[in-house]
Amino acid sequence: MIILTTSTTAQQLSVIPRNYESNFTLDLRDDQTNVTVKYDILGAVTSGNYLNFDNVFSPVLVENHFYDLYLYIDYNFWNTNNSFWNLYDVLWQVDSDFKEDIFRIKYFARIKTLTN
């Protein structure tokens, strides 16, 4: 279970992904407001079977809201990934919405407020 806080500091996430990538995009969608916020994750580290990365969620997450978490590589941005741009020209010759899923979860976790 992924538990996020309403903290304004970086939070560490550990997931078991489909593909182990160090750079990818994270989409976080609030189920109640249907607002999606995108984050570029750079420098994720593989440790055993887990992919670990830190992220500061801004705007701050809302307590007692539910979120969908989606990690992916978006191939529509030129030269932001290592996927055969010169060899596999279908990715850049066609205006497609090709994305490679890394991790996707719909979770019902409560957002806990940190108390000092």
N, C-alpha and C. Protein backbone atom coordinates (compact mmCIF):
# COMPACT_ATOMS: atom_id res chain seq x y z
N MET A 1 0.84 -1.17 0.00
CA MET A 1 0.00 0.00 0.00
C MET A 1 0.89 1.23 0.00
N ILE A 2 0.56 2.19 -0.81
CA ILE A 2 1.29 3.45 -0.87
C ILE A 2 0.57 4.45 0.01
N ILE A 3 1.30 5.01 0.97
CA ILE A 3 0.72 6.03 1.84
C ILE A 3 1.50 7.31 1.62
N LEU A 4 0.81 8.34 1.22
CA LEU A 4 1.42 9.64 1.00
C LEU A 4 0.95 10.58 2.10
N THR A 5 1.73 11.62 2.34
CA THR A 5 1.37 12.57 3.38
C THR A 5 1.07 13.93 2.76
N THR A 6 0.55 14.81 3.57
CA THR A 6 0.27 16.17 3.11
C THR A 6 1.48 17.07 3.30
N SER A 7 2.64 16.49 3.52
CA SER A 7 3.87 17.22 3.75
C SER A 7 4.33 17.94 2.48
N THR A 8 5.03 19.06 2.68
CA THR A 8 5.59 19.80 1.55
C THR A 8 7.01 19.37 1.25
N THR A 9 7.52 18.38 1.97
CA THR A 9 8.87 17.87 1.72
C THR A 9 8.81 16.68 0.77
N ALA A 10 9.98 16.28 0.29
CA ALA A 10 10.06 15.14 -0.64
C ALA A 10 9.64 13.86 0.06
N GLN A 11 8.90 13.03 -0.67
CA GLN A 11 8.46 11.75 -0.16
C GLN A 11 9.05 10.65 -1.03
N GLN A 12 9.50 9.58 -0.39
CA GLN A 12 10.10 8.48 -1.15
C GLN A 12 9.04 7.43 -1.47
N LEU A 13 9.03 7.00 -2.72
CA LEU A 13 8.14 5.94 -3.16
C LEU A 13 8.98 4.77 -3.63
N SER A 14 8.53 3.56 -3.34
CA SER A 14 9.16 2.33 -3.79
C SER A 14 8.10 1.48 -4.47
N VAL A 15 8.32 1.13 -5.72
CA VAL A 15 7.35 0.35 -6.48
C VAL A 15 8.07 -0.81 -7.16
N ILE A 16 7.31 -1.83 -7.51
CA ILE A 16 7.82 -2.92 -8.34
C ILE A 16 7.24 -2.70 -9.74
N PRO A 17 8.03 -2.13 -10.65
CA PRO A 17 7.51 -1.73 -11.95
C PRO A 17 7.55 -2.84 -12.99
N ARG A 18 6.91 -2.59 -14.12
CA ARG A 18 6.99 -3.49 -15.26
C ARG A 18 8.36 -3.39 -15.93
N ASN A 19 8.87 -2.16 -16.00
CA ASN A 19 10.19 -1.89 -16.57
C ASN A 19 10.95 -1.01 -15.60
N TYR A 20 12.23 -1.25 -15.49
CA TYR A 20 13.07 -0.46 -14.59
C TYR A 20 13.73 0.64 -15.39
N GLU A 21 13.26 1.86 -15.18
CA GLU A 21 13.78 3.03 -15.89
C GLU A 21 14.22 4.05 -14.85
N SER A 22 15.20 4.88 -15.19
CA SER A 22 15.64 5.89 -14.24
C SER A 22 14.94 7.23 -14.46
N ASN A 23 14.41 7.48 -15.66
CA ASN A 23 13.71 8.72 -15.96
C ASN A 23 12.35 8.39 -16.55
N PHE A 24 11.31 9.00 -15.99
CA PHE A 24 9.96 8.74 -16.47
C PHE A 24 9.03 9.84 -15.99
N THR A 25 7.76 9.73 -16.34
CA THR A 25 6.75 10.70 -15.93
C THR A 25 5.79 10.05 -14.95
N LEU A 26 5.40 10.80 -13.93
CA LEU A 26 4.45 10.34 -12.94
C LEU A 26 3.20 11.19 -13.07
N ASP A 27 2.06 10.55 -13.28
CA ASP A 27 0.77 11.25 -13.26
C ASP A 27 0.06 10.90 -11.97
N LEU A 28 -0.42 11.90 -11.28
CA LEU A 28 -1.18 11.69 -10.05
C LEU A 28 -2.53 12.36 -10.23
N ARG A 29 -3.59 11.53 -10.21
CA ARG A 29 -4.95 12.05 -10.44
C ARG A 29 -5.76 11.94 -9.16
N ASP A 30 -6.33 13.07 -8.78
CA ASP A 30 -7.23 13.12 -7.63
C ASP A 30 -8.58 12.57 -8.08
N ASP A 31 -9.05 11.50 -7.45
CA ASP A 31 -10.31 10.87 -7.85
C ASP A 31 -11.52 11.76 -7.61
N GLN A 32 -11.45 12.63 -6.62
CA GLN A 32 -12.62 13.46 -6.30
C GLN A 32 -12.73 14.69 -7.18
N THR A 33 -11.60 15.29 -7.54
CA THR A 33 -11.64 16.49 -8.39
C THR A 33 -11.33 16.19 -9.85
N ASN A 34 -10.82 14.98 -10.12
CA ASN A 34 -10.43 14.56 -11.47
C ASN A 34 -9.34 15.45 -12.07
N VAL A 35 -8.50 16.01 -11.22
CA VAL A 35 -7.38 16.84 -11.65
C VAL A 35 -6.12 15.99 -11.67
N THR A 36 -5.42 16.01 -12.81
CA THR A 36 -4.19 15.25 -12.95
C THR A 36 -3.01 16.20 -12.94
N VAL A 37 -1.99 15.86 -12.16
CA VAL A 37 -0.76 16.64 -12.11
C VAL A 37 0.37 15.75 -12.58
N LYS A 38 1.21 16.29 -13.48
CA LYS A 38 2.34 15.53 -14.04
C LYS A 38 3.63 15.96 -13.36
N TYR A 39 4.49 14.97 -13.10
CA TYR A 39 5.80 15.21 -12.53
C TYR A 39 6.83 14.46 -13.36
N ASP A 40 7.95 15.10 -13.66
CA ASP A 40 9.07 14.42 -14.33
C ASP A 40 9.99 13.87 -13.25
N ILE A 41 10.19 12.58 -13.26
CA ILE A 41 11.05 11.92 -12.29
C ILE A 41 12.39 11.64 -12.96
N LEU A 42 13.45 12.14 -12.38
CA LEU A 42 14.79 11.95 -12.92
C LEU A 42 15.66 11.29 -11.86
N GLY A 43 16.37 10.27 -12.25
CA GLY A 43 17.32 9.64 -11.35
C GLY A 43 16.74 8.63 -10.39
N ALA A 44 15.73 7.88 -10.81
CA ALA A 44 15.21 6.80 -9.97
C ALA A 44 16.27 5.71 -9.88
N VAL A 45 16.29 5.02 -8.75
CA VAL A 45 17.32 4.02 -8.48
C VAL A 45 16.68 2.66 -8.27
N THR A 46 17.26 1.62 -8.89
CA THR A 46 16.80 0.26 -8.69
C THR A 46 17.54 -0.34 -7.50
N SER A 47 16.77 -0.91 -6.57
CA SER A 47 17.34 -1.57 -5.40
C SER A 47 16.62 -2.90 -5.23
N GLY A 48 17.30 -3.98 -5.61
CA GLY A 48 16.65 -5.29 -5.59
C GLY A 48 15.55 -5.31 -6.64
N ASN A 49 14.33 -5.63 -6.23
CA ASN A 49 13.19 -5.64 -7.14
C ASN A 49 12.42 -4.33 -7.13
N TYR A 50 12.88 -3.35 -6.39
CA TYR A 50 12.15 -2.10 -6.24
C TYR A 50 12.79 -0.98 -7.04
N LEU A 51 11.94 -0.07 -7.50
CA LEU A 51 12.37 1.17 -8.12
C LEU A 51 12.06 2.26 -7.11
N ASN A 52 13.10 2.95 -6.65
CA ASN A 52 12.95 3.96 -5.60
C ASN A 52 13.18 5.34 -6.18
N PHE A 53 12.33 6.30 -5.78
CA PHE A 53 12.49 7.68 -6.21
C PHE A 53 11.82 8.60 -5.21
N ASP A 54 12.26 9.84 -5.22
CA ASP A 54 11.70 10.88 -4.35
C ASP A 54 10.93 11.87 -5.20
N ASN A 55 9.90 12.46 -4.60
CA ASN A 55 9.14 13.48 -5.30
C ASN A 55 8.49 14.42 -4.28
N VAL A 56 8.46 15.69 -4.63
CA VAL A 56 7.73 16.69 -3.84
C VAL A 56 6.41 16.91 -4.56
N PHE A 57 5.31 16.65 -3.87
CA PHE A 57 3.99 16.80 -4.49
C PHE A 57 3.50 18.22 -4.28
N SER A 58 3.44 18.96 -5.39
CA SER A 58 3.00 20.34 -5.34
C SER A 58 2.04 20.55 -6.50
N PRO A 59 0.82 20.92 -6.32
CA PRO A 59 0.24 21.36 -5.06
C PRO A 59 0.18 20.21 -4.05
N VAL A 60 0.13 20.60 -2.81
CA VAL A 60 0.14 19.63 -1.71
C VAL A 60 -1.09 18.74 -1.81
N LEU A 61 -0.90 17.46 -1.50
CA LEU A 61 -2.01 16.51 -1.52
C LEU A 61 -3.05 16.88 -0.46
N VAL A 62 -4.28 16.53 -0.73
CA VAL A 62 -5.38 16.86 0.17
C VAL A 62 -5.67 15.66 1.05
N GLU A 63 -5.81 15.91 2.34
CA GLU A 63 -6.09 14.84 3.29
C GLU A 63 -7.43 14.19 2.99
N ASN A 64 -7.48 12.87 3.08
CA ASN A 64 -8.67 12.04 2.87
C ASN A 64 -9.17 12.04 1.42
N HIS A 65 -8.30 12.35 0.47
CA HIS A 65 -8.64 12.18 -0.94
C HIS A 65 -7.97 10.91 -1.43
N PHE A 66 -8.51 10.35 -2.49
CA PHE A 66 -7.96 9.14 -3.08
C PHE A 66 -7.31 9.51 -4.41
N TYR A 67 -6.21 8.85 -4.73
CA TYR A 67 -5.41 9.20 -5.90
C TYR A 67 -5.10 7.98 -6.75
N ASP A 68 -4.97 8.21 -8.07
CA ASP A 68 -4.48 7.21 -9.01
C ASP A 68 -3.05 7.59 -9.37
N LEU A 69 -2.17 6.62 -9.33
CA LEU A 69 -0.76 6.84 -9.62
C LEU A 69 -0.40 6.08 -10.90
N TYR A 70 0.22 6.77 -11.85
CA TYR A 70 0.55 6.19 -13.14
C TYR A 70 1.97 6.62 -13.51
N LEU A 71 2.87 5.67 -13.69
CA LEU A 71 4.24 5.93 -14.12
C LEU A 71 4.39 5.44 -15.55
N TYR A 72 4.99 6.25 -16.41
CA TYR A 72 5.13 5.88 -17.82
C TYR A 72 6.24 6.67 -18.48
N ILE A 73 6.65 6.18 -19.65
CA ILE A 73 7.57 6.91 -20.52
C ILE A 73 6.76 7.41 -21.70
N ASP A 74 6.79 8.70 -21.92
CA ASP A 74 6.04 9.31 -23.02
C ASP A 74 6.97 9.49 -24.20
N TYR A 75 6.74 8.75 -25.27
CA TYR A 75 7.61 8.79 -26.43
C TYR A 75 7.29 9.93 -27.39
N ASN A 76 6.36 10.79 -27.05
CA ASN A 76 6.03 11.91 -27.92
C ASN A 76 7.00 13.07 -27.78
N PHE A 77 7.89 13.03 -26.81
CA PHE A 77 8.84 14.12 -26.63
C PHE A 77 10.18 13.70 -27.19
N TRP A 78 10.62 14.44 -28.19
CA TRP A 78 11.83 14.12 -28.91
C TRP A 78 13.04 14.16 -27.98
N ASN A 79 13.84 13.10 -28.06
CA ASN A 79 15.14 13.01 -27.40
C ASN A 79 15.05 13.04 -25.87
N THR A 80 13.95 12.55 -25.28
CA THR A 80 13.87 12.47 -23.83
C THR A 80 13.94 11.03 -23.35
N ASN A 81 14.21 10.11 -24.23
CA ASN A 81 14.32 8.71 -23.83
C ASN A 81 15.34 8.02 -24.72
N ASN A 82 15.58 6.78 -24.42
CA ASN A 82 16.61 6.04 -25.15
C ASN A 82 16.02 5.00 -26.08
N SER A 83 14.86 5.21 -26.65
CA SER A 83 14.18 4.16 -27.39
C SER A 83 14.35 4.26 -28.90
N PHE A 84 15.49 3.94 -29.38
CA PHE A 84 15.71 3.67 -30.81
C PHE A 84 15.17 4.76 -31.74
N TRP A 85 15.42 6.03 -31.44
CA TRP A 85 14.90 7.08 -32.31
C TRP A 85 15.39 6.92 -33.74
N ASN A 86 16.61 6.52 -33.91
CA ASN A 86 17.14 6.39 -35.26
C ASN A 86 16.74 5.09 -35.92
N LEU A 87 16.51 4.04 -35.14
CA LEU A 87 16.20 2.74 -35.71
C LEU A 87 14.71 2.48 -35.85
N TYR A 88 13.92 3.00 -34.91
CA TYR A 88 12.49 2.72 -34.92
C TYR A 88 11.74 4.01 -35.19
N ASP A 89 11.66 4.39 -36.47
CA ASP A 89 11.13 5.70 -36.84
C ASP A 89 9.63 5.84 -36.71
N VAL A 90 8.90 4.76 -36.39
CA VAL A 90 7.46 4.86 -36.21
C VAL A 90 7.14 5.80 -35.06
N LEU A 91 8.01 5.84 -34.05
CA LEU A 91 7.76 6.68 -32.88
C LEU A 91 7.76 8.16 -33.22
N TRP A 92 8.58 8.59 -34.14
CA TRP A 92 8.64 10.02 -34.43
C TRP A 92 8.07 10.41 -35.78
N GLN A 93 7.73 9.47 -36.63
CA GLN A 93 7.15 9.80 -37.93
C GLN A 93 5.64 9.92 -37.86
N VAL A 94 5.03 9.28 -36.90
CA VAL A 94 3.59 9.32 -36.76
C VAL A 94 3.26 10.09 -35.49
N ASP A 95 2.27 10.97 -35.58
CA ASP A 95 1.85 11.71 -34.40
C ASP A 95 0.98 10.80 -33.55
N SER A 96 1.61 10.05 -32.66
CA SER A 96 0.89 9.07 -31.87
C SER A 96 0.94 9.44 -30.40
N ASP A 97 0.15 8.75 -29.63
CA ASP A 97 0.14 8.92 -28.19
C ASP A 97 0.75 7.70 -27.54
N PHE A 98 1.86 7.25 -28.07
CA PHE A 98 2.50 6.04 -27.59
C PHE A 98 3.17 6.28 -26.25
N LYS A 99 2.77 5.51 -25.25
CA LYS A 99 3.36 5.58 -23.93
C LYS A 99 3.67 4.17 -23.47
N GLU A 100 4.78 4.02 -22.77
CA GLU A 100 5.16 2.72 -22.23
C GLU A 100 4.86 2.72 -20.74
N ASP A 101 3.93 1.87 -20.33
CA ASP A 101 3.56 1.78 -18.91
C ASP A 101 4.71 1.21 -18.11
N ILE A 102 5.01 1.85 -17.00
CA ILE A 102 6.00 1.34 -16.06
C ILE A 102 5.30 0.79 -14.83
N PHE A 103 4.33 1.54 -14.33
CA PHE A 103 3.63 1.15 -13.12
C PHE A 103 2.30 1.89 -13.09
N ARG A 104 1.27 1.20 -12.69
CA ARG A 104 -0.05 1.81 -12.60
C ARG A 104 -0.77 1.20 -11.40
N ILE A 105 -1.36 2.04 -10.59
CA ILE A 105 -2.09 1.53 -9.44
C ILE A 105 -3.24 2.47 -9.11
N LYS A 106 -4.34 1.88 -8.77
CA LYS A 106 -5.46 2.63 -8.24
C LYS A 106 -5.55 2.19 -6.79
N TYR A 107 -5.31 3.12 -5.90
CA TYR A 107 -5.26 2.74 -4.50
C TYR A 107 -6.19 3.61 -3.67
N PHE A 108 -6.62 3.05 -2.62
CA PHE A 108 -7.54 3.71 -1.71
C PHE A 108 -6.82 3.91 -0.38
N ALA A 109 -5.83 4.76 -0.40
CA ALA A 109 -5.06 5.02 0.81
C ALA A 109 -5.41 6.41 1.32
N ARG A 110 -5.53 6.50 2.62
CA ARG A 110 -5.80 7.81 3.22
C ARG A 110 -4.51 8.59 3.27
N ILE A 111 -4.62 9.86 3.03
CA ILE A 111 -3.47 10.74 3.14
C ILE A 111 -3.35 11.12 4.60
N LYS A 112 -2.23 10.82 5.21
CA LYS A 112 -2.04 11.11 6.63
C LYS A 112 -1.28 12.40 6.81
N THR A 113 -1.74 13.22 7.71
CA THR A 113 -1.05 14.45 8.04
C THR A 113 0.07 14.16 9.03
N LEU A 114 1.26 14.68 8.76
CA LEU A 114 2.36 14.49 9.68
C LEU A 114 2.21 15.44 10.86
N THR A 115 2.40 14.93 12.06
CA THR A 115 2.37 15.79 13.24
C THR A 115 3.73 15.77 13.90
N ASN A 116 4.16 16.89 14.38
CA ASN A 116 5.49 16.98 15.00
C ASN A 116 5.37 16.86 16.51
